[in-house]
C-alpha atoms as a PDB file:
ATOM      1  CA  MET A   1      -1.871 -18.240 -29.669  1.00  0.00           C
ATOM      2  CA  THR A   2      -2.935 -20.842 -27.400  1.00  0.00           C
ATOM      3  CA  ARG A   3      -4.122 -20.006 -23.653  1.00  0.00           C
ATOM      4  CA  ARG A   4      -0.565 -20.697 -22.923  1.00  0.00           C
ATOM      5  CA  ASP A   5       1.408 -18.174 -24.758  1.00  0.00           C
ATOM      6  CA  SER A   6      -0.743 -15.569 -23.548  1.00  0.00           C
ATOM      7  CA  LEU A   7       0.126 -16.673 -19.894  1.00  0.00           C
ATOM      8  CA  VAL A   8       3.931 -16.479 -21.244  1.00  0.00           C
ATOM      9  CA  THR A   9       3.795 -13.283 -22.920  1.00  0.00           C
ATOM     10  CA  GLY A  10       1.817 -11.674 -20.101  1.00  0.00           C
ATOM     11  CA  ALA A  11       4.650 -13.437 -17.247  1.00  0.00           C
ATOM     12  CA  VAL A  12       7.539 -12.064 -19.541  1.00  0.00           C
ATOM     13  CA  LEU A  13       6.061  -8.884 -19.697  1.00  0.00           C
ATOM     14  CA  LEU A  14       6.259  -8.393 -15.963  1.00  0.00           C
ATOM     15  CA  ILE A  15       8.850  -9.847 -15.290  1.00  0.00           C
ATOM     16  CA  CYS A  16      10.531  -7.058 -17.897  1.00  0.00           C
ATOM     17  CA  ALA A  17       8.124  -3.963 -16.274  1.00  0.00           C
ATOM     18  CA  GLY A  18       9.837  -5.129 -13.070  1.00  0.00           C
ATOM     19  CA  ILE A  19      13.239  -4.778 -14.137  1.00  0.00           C
ATOM     20  CA  LEU A  20      12.665  -1.429 -15.789  1.00  0.00           C
ATOM     21  CA  VAL A  21      10.917  -0.118 -12.302  1.00  0.00           C
ATOM     22  CA  LEU A  22      13.969  -1.672 -10.393  1.00  0.00           C
ATOM     23  CA  PHE A  23      16.653  -0.081 -12.093  1.00  0.00           C
ATOM     24  CA  THR A  24      15.017   3.535 -12.910  1.00  0.00           C
ATOM     25  CA  ASP A  25      14.976   3.168  -8.610  1.00  0.00           C
ATOM     26  CA  VAL A  26      18.437   2.034  -8.316  1.00  0.00           C
ATOM     27  CA  ASP A  27      19.423   4.648 -11.221  1.00  0.00           C
ATOM     28  CA  GLY A  28      17.471   7.337  -9.512  1.00  0.00           C
ATOM     29  CA  LYS A  29      19.219   7.194  -5.926  1.00  0.00           C
ATOM     30  CA  ALA A  30      22.671   6.449  -7.489  1.00  0.00           C
ATOM     31  CA  VAL A  31      21.992   9.873  -9.355  1.00  0.00           C
ATOM     32  CA  ARG A  32      20.606  11.664  -5.774  1.00  0.00           C
ATOM     33  CA  TRP A  33      23.364  10.080  -3.817  1.00  0.00           C
ATOM     34  CA  LEU A  34      26.194  11.479  -6.382  1.00  0.00           C
ATOM     35  CA  THR A  35      24.632  14.867  -6.961  1.00  0.00           C
ATOM     36  CA  CYS A  36      24.128  15.345  -2.715  1.00  0.00           C
ATOM     37  CA  GLY A  37      26.331  13.019  -1.305  1.00  0.00           C
ATOM     38  CA  PRO A  38      29.909  13.796   0.229  1.00  0.00           C
ATOM     39  CA  LEU A  39      31.660  15.072  -2.917  1.00  0.00           C
ATOM     40  CA  ALA A  40      29.161  17.513  -3.796  1.00  0.00           C
ATOM     41  CA  ARG A  41      29.448  20.924  -3.081  1.00  0.00           C
ATOM     42  CA  GLN A  42      28.149  22.742  -0.518  1.00  0.00           C
ATOM     43  CA  VAL A  43      25.964  24.635  -3.399  1.00  0.00           C
ATOM     44  CA  GLU A  44      24.707  21.348  -4.642  1.00  0.00           C
ATOM     45  CA  ARG A  45      23.663  20.326  -1.338  1.00  0.00           C
ATOM     46  CA  ASP A  46      21.637  22.964  -0.486  1.00  0.00           C
ATOM     47  CA  SER A  47      19.680  22.649  -3.851  1.00  0.00           C
ATOM     48  CA  GLU A  48      16.049  22.006  -4.251  1.00  0.00           C
ATOM     49  CA  LEU A  49      17.160  18.461  -5.324  1.00  0.00           C
ATOM     50  CA  CYS A  50      18.382  17.294  -2.177  1.00  0.00           C
ATOM     51  CA  ARG A  51      16.723  18.699   0.644  1.00  0.00           C
END
């Protein structure tokens, strides 16, 4: 494997890791919004997750 191949592999790994972090963060915020949002029951809004 040449130096160029190693750089390309590293760049692809960084891009994949960034995409994973982005979607994980977005997914977490979406779940929190659905759980604690305007359509949630009062009991759910009072939960530890929503505080």
